[in-house]
């Protein structure tokens, strides 16, 4: 099952628990949320790893040279 389908099923289940109306709108919101997360989570993880690598390189440079470089 794809992430969109799982998101729709989870959204429908959450919306169905309230008992107010049908589960269609919850399924739509769940599917949209799943698609947004498929894009944003990899972008955030890539940014975090890149930031950590650049920070490690900077600290390594400071340790080797014994000084900080002015930005």
PDB file of N, CA and C in Angstrom:
ATOM      1  N   UNK A   1       0.836  -1.184   0.000  1.00  0.00           N
ATOM      2  CA  UNK A   1       0.000   0.000   0.000  1.00  0.00           C
ATOM      3  C   UNK A   1       0.878   1.244   0.000  1.00  0.00           C
ATOM      4  N   UNK A   2       0.465   2.211  -0.763  1.00  0.00           N
ATOM      5  CA  UNK A   2       1.229   3.442  -0.831  1.00  0.00           C
ATOM      6  C   UNK A   2       0.970   4.343   0.349  1.00  0.00           C
ATOM      7  N   UNK A   3       1.833   5.306   0.493  1.00  0.00           N
ATOM      8  CA  UNK A   3       1.703   6.246   1.608  1.00  0.00           C
ATOM      9  C   UNK A   3       0.414   7.049   1.503  1.00  0.00           C
ATOM     10  N   UNK A   4      -0.006   7.371   0.283  1.00  0.00           N
ATOM     11  CA  UNK A   4      -1.242   8.114   0.107  1.00  0.00           C
ATOM     12  C   UNK A   4      -2.440   7.307   0.587  1.00  0.00           C
ATOM     13  N   UNK A   5      -2.457   6.030   0.245  1.00  0.00           N
ATOM     14  CA  UNK A   5      -3.566   5.172   0.663  1.00  0.00           C
ATOM     15  C   UNK A   5      -3.589   5.011   2.177  1.00  0.00           C
ATOM     16  N   UNK A   6      -2.426   4.791   2.769  1.00  0.00           N
ATOM     17  CA  UNK A   6      -2.352   4.647   4.222  1.00  0.00           C
ATOM     18  C   UNK A   6      -2.779   5.946   4.899  1.00  0.00           C
ATOM     19  N   UNK A   7      -2.351   7.080   4.366  1.00  0.00           N
ATOM     20  CA  UNK A   7      -2.759   8.374   4.917  1.00  0.00           C
ATOM     21  C   UNK A   7      -4.263   8.566   4.834  1.00  0.00           C
ATOM     22  N   UNK A   8      -4.854   8.146   3.716  1.00  0.00           N
ATOM     23  CA  UNK A   8      -6.304   8.270   3.566  1.00  0.00           C
ATOM     24  C   UNK A   8      -7.037   7.376   4.559  1.00  0.00           C
ATOM     25  N   UNK A   9      -6.551   6.162   4.747  1.00  0.00           N
ATOM     26  CA  UNK A   9      -7.194   5.242   5.687  1.00  0.00           C
ATOM     27  C   UNK A   9      -7.082   5.762   7.120  1.00  0.00           C
ATOM     28  N   UNK A  10      -5.903   6.230   7.489  1.00  0.00           N
ATOM     29  CA  UNK A  10      -5.719   6.764   8.851  1.00  0.00           C
ATOM     30  C   UNK A  10      -6.570   8.019   9.047  1.00  0.00           C
ATOM     31  N   UNK A  11      -6.574   8.909   8.056  1.00  0.00           N
ATOM     32  CA  UNK A  11      -7.394  10.118   8.160  1.00  0.00           C
ATOM     33  C   UNK A  11      -8.871   9.796   8.278  1.00  0.00           C
ATOM     34  N   UNK A  12      -9.335   8.828   7.521  1.00  0.00           N
ATOM     35  CA  UNK A  12     -10.740   8.427   7.603  1.00  0.00           C
ATOM     36  C   UNK A  12     -11.055   7.825   8.963  1.00  0.00           C
ATOM     37  N   UNK A  13     -10.138   7.026   9.493  1.00  0.00           N
ATOM     38  CA  UNK A  13     -10.368   6.415  10.806  1.00  0.00           C
ATOM     39  C   UNK A  13     -10.417   7.472  11.909  1.00  0.00           C
ATOM     40  N   UNK A  14      -9.522   8.436  11.851  1.00  0.00           N
ATOM     41  CA  UNK A  14      -9.520   9.498  12.857  1.00  0.00           C
ATOM     42  C   UNK A  14     -10.783  10.331  12.740  1.00  0.00           C
ATOM     43  N   UNK A  15     -11.173  10.659  11.512  1.00  0.00           N
ATOM     44  CA  UNK A  15     -12.371  11.460  11.314  1.00  0.00           C
ATOM     45  C   UNK A  15     -13.620  10.686  11.711  1.00  0.00           C
ATOM     46  N   UNK A  16     -13.619   9.380  11.508  1.00  0.00           N
ATOM     47  CA  UNK A  16     -14.773   8.562  11.855  1.00  0.00           C
ATOM     48  C   UNK A  16     -14.973   8.435  13.353  1.00  0.00           C
ATOM     49  N   UNK A  17     -13.913   8.622  14.126  1.00  0.00           N
ATOM     50  CA  UNK A  17     -14.020   8.510  15.584  1.00  0.00           C
ATOM     51  C   UNK A  17     -14.854   9.632  16.176  1.00  0.00           C
ATOM     52  N   UNK A  18     -14.911  10.787  15.512  1.00  0.00           N
ATOM     53  CA  UNK A  18     -15.696  11.896  16.052  1.00  0.00           C
ATOM     54  C   UNK A  18     -17.189  11.652  15.912  1.00  0.00           C
ATOM     55  N   UNK A  19     -17.593  10.931  14.863  1.00  0.00           N
ATOM     56  CA  UNK A  19     -18.996  10.587  14.670  1.00  0.00           C
ATOM     57  C   UNK A  19     -19.853  11.724  14.167  1.00  0.00           C
ATOM     58  N   UNK A  20     -19.254  12.849  13.789  1.00  0.00           N
ATOM     59  CA  UNK A  20     -20.034  13.998  13.337  1.00  0.00           C
ATOM     60  C   UNK A  20     -20.612  13.799  11.942  1.00  0.00           C
ATOM     61  N   UNK A  21     -19.793  13.382  11.003  1.00  0.00           N
ATOM     62  CA  UNK A  21     -20.240  13.250   9.629  1.00  0.00           C
ATOM     63  C   UNK A  21     -19.488  12.106   8.961  1.00  0.00           C
ATOM     64  N   UNK A  22     -19.483  12.084   7.658  1.00  0.00           N
ATOM     65  CA  UNK A  22     -18.807  11.027   6.915  1.00  0.00           C
ATOM     66  C   UNK A  22     -17.300  11.091   7.077  1.00  0.00           C
ATOM     67  N   UNK A  23     -16.651  10.071   6.550  1.00  0.00           N
ATOM     68  CA  UNK A  23     -15.203   9.972   6.694  1.00  0.00           C
ATOM     69  C   UNK A  23     -14.461  10.465   5.456  1.00  0.00           C
ATOM     70  N   UNK A  24     -15.193  10.935   4.458  1.00  0.00           N
ATOM     71  CA  UNK A  24     -14.569  11.355   3.202  1.00  0.00           C
ATOM     72  C   UNK A  24     -13.613  12.511   3.360  1.00  0.00           C
ATOM     73  N   UNK A  25     -14.006  13.521   4.133  1.00  0.00           N
ATOM     74  CA  UNK A  25     -13.123  14.671   4.295  1.00  0.00           C
ATOM     75  C   UNK A  25     -11.873  14.308   5.086  1.00  0.00           C
ATOM     76  N   UNK A  26     -11.984  13.400   6.037  1.00  0.00           N
ATOM     77  CA  UNK A  26     -10.803  12.934   6.766  1.00  0.00           C
ATOM     78  C   UNK A  26      -9.861  12.159   5.873  1.00  0.00           C
ATOM     79  N   UNK A  27     -10.423  11.394   4.933  1.00  0.00           N
ATOM     80  CA  UNK A  27      -9.589  10.642   3.992  1.00  0.00           C
ATOM     81  C   UNK A  27      -8.830  11.584   3.070  1.00  0.00           C
ATOM     82  N   UNK A  28      -9.487  12.652   2.649  1.00  0.00           N
ATOM     83  CA  UNK A  28      -8.823  13.622   1.767  1.00  0.00           C
ATOM     84  C   UNK A  28      -7.700  14.329   2.516  1.00  0.00           C
ATOM     85  N   UNK A  29      -7.975  14.764   3.735  1.00  0.00           N
ATOM     86  CA  UNK A  29      -6.945  15.446   4.537  1.00  0.00           C
ATOM     87  C   UNK A  29      -5.784  14.496   4.822  1.00  0.00           C
ATOM     88  N   UNK A  30      -6.088  13.242   5.133  1.00  0.00           N
ATOM     89  CA  UNK A  30      -5.033  12.265   5.393  1.00  0.00           C
ATOM     90  C   UNK A  30      -4.167  12.007   4.175  1.00  0.00           C
ATOM     91  N   UNK A  31      -4.789  11.922   3.002  1.00  0.00           N
ATOM     92  CA  UNK A  31      -4.022  11.697   1.772  1.00  0.00           C
ATOM     93  C   UNK A  31      -3.134  12.892   1.444  1.00  0.00           C
ATOM     94  N   UNK A  32      -3.662  14.092   1.620  1.00  0.00           N
ATOM     95  CA  UNK A  32      -2.865  15.301   1.357  1.00  0.00           C
ATOM     96  C   UNK A  32      -1.706  15.389   2.340  1.00  0.00           C
ATOM     97  N   UNK A  33      -1.971  15.109   3.604  1.00  0.00           N
ATOM     98  CA  UNK A  33      -0.917  15.141   4.616  1.00  0.00           C
ATOM     99  C   UNK A  33       0.187  14.138   4.303  1.00  0.00           C
ATOM    100  N   UNK A  34      -0.196  12.943   3.868  1.00  0.00           N
ATOM    101  CA  UNK A  34       0.808  11.929   3.523  1.00  0.00           C
ATOM    102  C   UNK A  34       1.680  12.395   2.369  1.00  0.00           C
ATOM    103  N   UNK A  35       1.092  13.023   1.368  1.00  0.00           N
ATOM    104  CA  UNK A  35       1.873  13.505   0.234  1.00  0.00           C
ATOM    105  C   UNK A  35       2.786  14.658   0.612  1.00  0.00           C
ATOM    106  N   UNK A  36       2.325  15.531   1.482  1.00  0.00           N
ATOM    107  CA  UNK A  36       3.168  16.636   1.941  1.00  0.00           C
ATOM    108  C   UNK A  36       4.357  16.095   2.737  1.00  0.00           C
ATOM    109  N   UNK A  37       4.094  15.120   3.600  1.00  0.00           N
ATOM    110  CA  UNK A  37       5.176  14.540   4.398  1.00  0.00           C
ATOM    111  C   UNK A  37       6.181  13.787   3.546  1.00  0.00           C
ATOM    112  N   UNK A  38       5.725  13.185   2.425  1.00  0.00           N
ATOM    113  CA  UNK A  38       6.656  12.485   1.535  1.00  0.00           C
ATOM    114  C   UNK A  38       7.675  13.439   0.947  1.00  0.00           C
ATOM    115  N   UNK A  39       7.331  14.708   0.836  1.00  0.00           N
ATOM    116  CA  UNK A  39       8.250  15.696   0.274  1.00  0.00           C
ATOM    117  C   UNK A  39       9.064  16.377   1.374  1.00  0.00           C
ATOM    118  N   UNK A  40       8.413  16.786   2.446  1.00  0.00           N
ATOM    119  CA  UNK A  40       9.096  17.606   3.443  1.00  0.00           C
ATOM    120  C   UNK A  40      10.065  16.826   4.330  1.00  0.00           C
ATOM    121  N   UNK A  41       9.746  15.597   4.676  1.00  0.00           N
ATOM    122  CA  UNK A  41      10.628  14.832   5.565  1.00  0.00           C
ATOM    123  C   UNK A  41      12.003  14.603   4.935  1.00  0.00           C
ATOM    124  N   UNK A  42      12.110  14.170   3.672  1.00  0.00           N
ATOM    125  CA  UNK A  42      13.449  14.031   3.084  1.00  0.00           C
ATOM    126  C   UNK A  42      14.208  15.355   2.976  1.00  0.00           C
ATOM    127  N   UNK A  43      13.497  16.437   2.702  1.00  0.00           N
ATOM    128  CA  UNK A  43      14.160  17.745   2.617  1.00  0.00           C
ATOM    129  C   UNK A  43      14.726  18.138   3.982  1.00  0.00           C
ATOM    130  N   UNK A  44      13.952  17.956   5.026  1.00  0.00           N
ATOM    131  CA  UNK A  44      14.407  18.301   6.376  1.00  0.00           C
ATOM    132  C   UNK A  44      15.584  17.424   6.798  1.00  0.00           C
ATOM    133  N   UNK A  45      15.497  16.125   6.514  1.00  0.00           N
ATOM    134  CA  UNK A  45      16.604  15.229   6.865  1.00  0.00           C
ATOM    135  C   UNK A  45      17.877  15.574   6.098  1.00  0.00           C
ATOM    136  N   UNK A  46      17.751  15.901   4.815  1.00  0.00           N
ATOM    137  CA  UNK A  46      18.913  16.287   4.014  1.00  0.00           C
ATOM    138  C   UNK A  46      19.553  17.553   4.566  1.00  0.00           C
ATOM    139  N   UNK A  47      18.731  18.518   4.926  1.00  0.00           N
ATOM    140  CA  UNK A  47      19.247  19.753   5.502  1.00  0.00           C
ATOM    141  C   UNK A  47      19.983  19.479   6.812  1.00  0.00           C
ATOM    142  N   UNK A  48      19.396  18.645   7.672  1.00  0.00           N
ATOM    143  CA  UNK A  48      20.001  18.351   8.972  1.00  0.00           C
ATOM    144  C   UNK A  48      21.341  17.642   8.813  1.00  0.00           C
ATOM    145  N   UNK A  49      21.419  16.687   7.911  1.00  0.00           N
ATOM    146  CA  UNK A  49      22.682  15.972   7.689  1.00  0.00           C
ATOM    147  C   UNK A  49      23.727  16.917   7.110  1.00  0.00           C
ATOM    148  N   UNK A  50      23.342  17.751   6.166  1.00  0.00           N
ATOM    149  CA  UNK A  50      24.277  18.716   5.577  1.00  0.00           C
ATOM    150  C   UNK A  50      24.797  19.695   6.614  1.00  0.00           C
ATOM    151  N   UNK A  51      23.910  20.177   7.478  1.00  0.00           N
ATOM    152  CA  UNK A  51      24.320  21.100   8.530  1.00  0.00           C
ATOM    153  C   UNK A  51      25.311  20.423   9.475  1.00  0.00           C
ATOM    154  N   UNK A  52      25.045  19.178   9.851  1.00  0.00           N
ATOM    155  CA  UNK A  52      25.934  18.455  10.763  1.00  0.00           C
ATOM    156  C   UNK A  52      27.308  18.231  10.130  1.00  0.00           C
ATOM    157  N   UNK A  53      27.323  17.904   8.848  1.00  0.00           N
ATOM    158  CA  UNK A  53      28.602  17.686   8.162  1.00  0.00           C
ATOM    159  C   UNK A  53      29.393  18.987   8.092  1.00  0.00           C
ATOM    160  N   UNK A  54      28.750  20.083   7.726  1.00  0.00           N
ATOM    161  CA  UNK A  54      29.461  21.363   7.653  1.00  0.00           C
ATOM    162  C   UNK A  54      29.958  21.810   9.023  1.00  0.00           C
ATOM    163  N   UNK A  55      29.181  21.564  10.057  1.00  0.00           N
ATOM    164  CA  UNK A  55      29.624  21.922  11.410  1.00  0.00           C
ATOM    165  C   UNK A  55      30.823  21.076  11.822  1.00  0.00           C
ATOM    166  N   UNK A  56      30.796  19.784  11.507  1.00  0.00           N
ATOM    167  CA  UNK A  56      31.919  18.907  11.847  1.00  0.00           C
ATOM    168  C   UNK A  56      33.173  19.325  11.098  1.00  0.00           C
ATOM    169  N   UNK A  57      33.028  19.691   9.843  1.00  0.00           N
ATOM    170  CA  UNK A  57      34.186  20.163   9.064  1.00  0.00           C
ATOM    171  C   UNK A  57      34.747  21.435   9.694  1.00  0.00           C
ATOM    172  N   UNK A  58      33.873  22.352  10.075  1.00  0.00           N
ATOM    173  CA  UNK A  58      34.325  23.597  10.706  1.00  0.00           C
ATOM    174  C   UNK A  58      35.038  23.361  12.019  1.00  0.00           C
ATOM    175  N   UNK A  59      34.493  22.472  12.840  1.00  0.00           N
ATOM    176  CA  UNK A  59      35.144  22.179  14.118  1.00  0.00           C
ATOM    177  C   UNK A  59      36.460  21.446  13.907  1.00  0.00           C
ATOM    178  N   UNK A  60      36.518  20.594  12.910  1.00  0.00           N
ATOM    179  CA  UNK A  60      37.772  19.916  12.590  1.00  0.00           C
ATOM    180  C   UNK A  60      38.828  20.900  12.135  1.00  0.00           C
ATOM    181  N   UNK A  61      38.423  21.861  11.309  1.00  0.00           N
ATOM    182  CA  UNK A  61      39.350  22.899  10.852  1.00  0.00           C
ATOM    183  C   UNK A  61      39.855  23.719  12.033  1.00  0.00           C
ATOM    184  N   UNK A  62      38.936  24.067  12.949  1.00  0.00           N
ATOM    185  CA  UNK A  62      39.343  24.829  14.132  1.00  0.00           C
ATOM    186  C   UNK A  62      40.309  24.030  15.002  1.00  0.00           C
ATOM    187  N   UNK A  63      40.078  22.744  15.112  1.00  0.00           N
ATOM    188  CA  UNK A  63      40.958  21.905  15.930  1.00  0.00           C
ATOM    189  C   UNK A  63      42.352  21.780  15.296  1.00  0.00           C
ATOM    190  N   UNK A  64      42.396  21.687  13.984  1.00  0.00           N
ATOM    191  CA  UNK A  64      43.687  21.541  13.305  1.00  0.00           C
ATOM    192  C   UNK A  64      44.467  22.840  13.329  1.00  0.00           C
ATOM    193  N   UNK A  65      43.814  23.953  13.040  1.00  0.00           N
ATOM    194  CA  UNK A  65      44.518  25.232  12.953  1.00  0.00           C
ATOM    195  C   UNK A  65      44.632  25.930  14.309  1.00  0.00           C
ATOM    196  N   UNK A  66      43.771  25.576  15.245  1.00  0.00           N
ATOM    197  CA  UNK A  66      43.822  26.217  16.560  1.00  0.00           C
ATOM    198  C   UNK A  66      43.224  27.597  16.597  1.00  0.00           C
ATOM    199  N   UNK A  67      42.478  27.968  15.586  1.00  0.00           N
ATOM    200  CA  UNK A  67      41.847  29.286  15.570  1.00  0.00           C
ATOM    201  C   UNK A  67      40.508  29.194  14.847  1.00  0.00           C
ATOM    202  N   UNK A  68      39.699  30.209  15.066  1.00  0.00           N
ATOM    203  CA  UNK A  68      38.407  30.278  14.397  1.00  0.00           C
ATOM    204  C   UNK A  68      38.506  31.241  13.215  1.00  0.00           C
ATOM    205  N   UNK A  69      37.796  30.926  12.155  1.00  0.00           N
ATOM    206  CA  UNK A  69      37.810  31.772  10.974  1.00  0.00           C
ATOM    207  C   UNK A  69      36.632  32.732  11.071  1.00  0.00           C
ATOM    208  N   UNK A  70      36.887  34.018  10.835  1.00  0.00           N
ATOM    209  CA  UNK A  70      35.814  35.017  10.852  1.00  0.00           C
ATOM    210  C   UNK A  70      34.993  34.841   9.597  1.00  0.00           C
ATOM    211  N   UNK A  71      33.679  34.874   9.762  1.00  0.00           N
ATOM    212  CA  UNK A  71      32.786  34.701   8.604  1.00  0.00           C
ATOM    213  C   UNK A  71      32.483  36.007   7.947  1.00  0.00           C
TER     214      UNK A  71
END
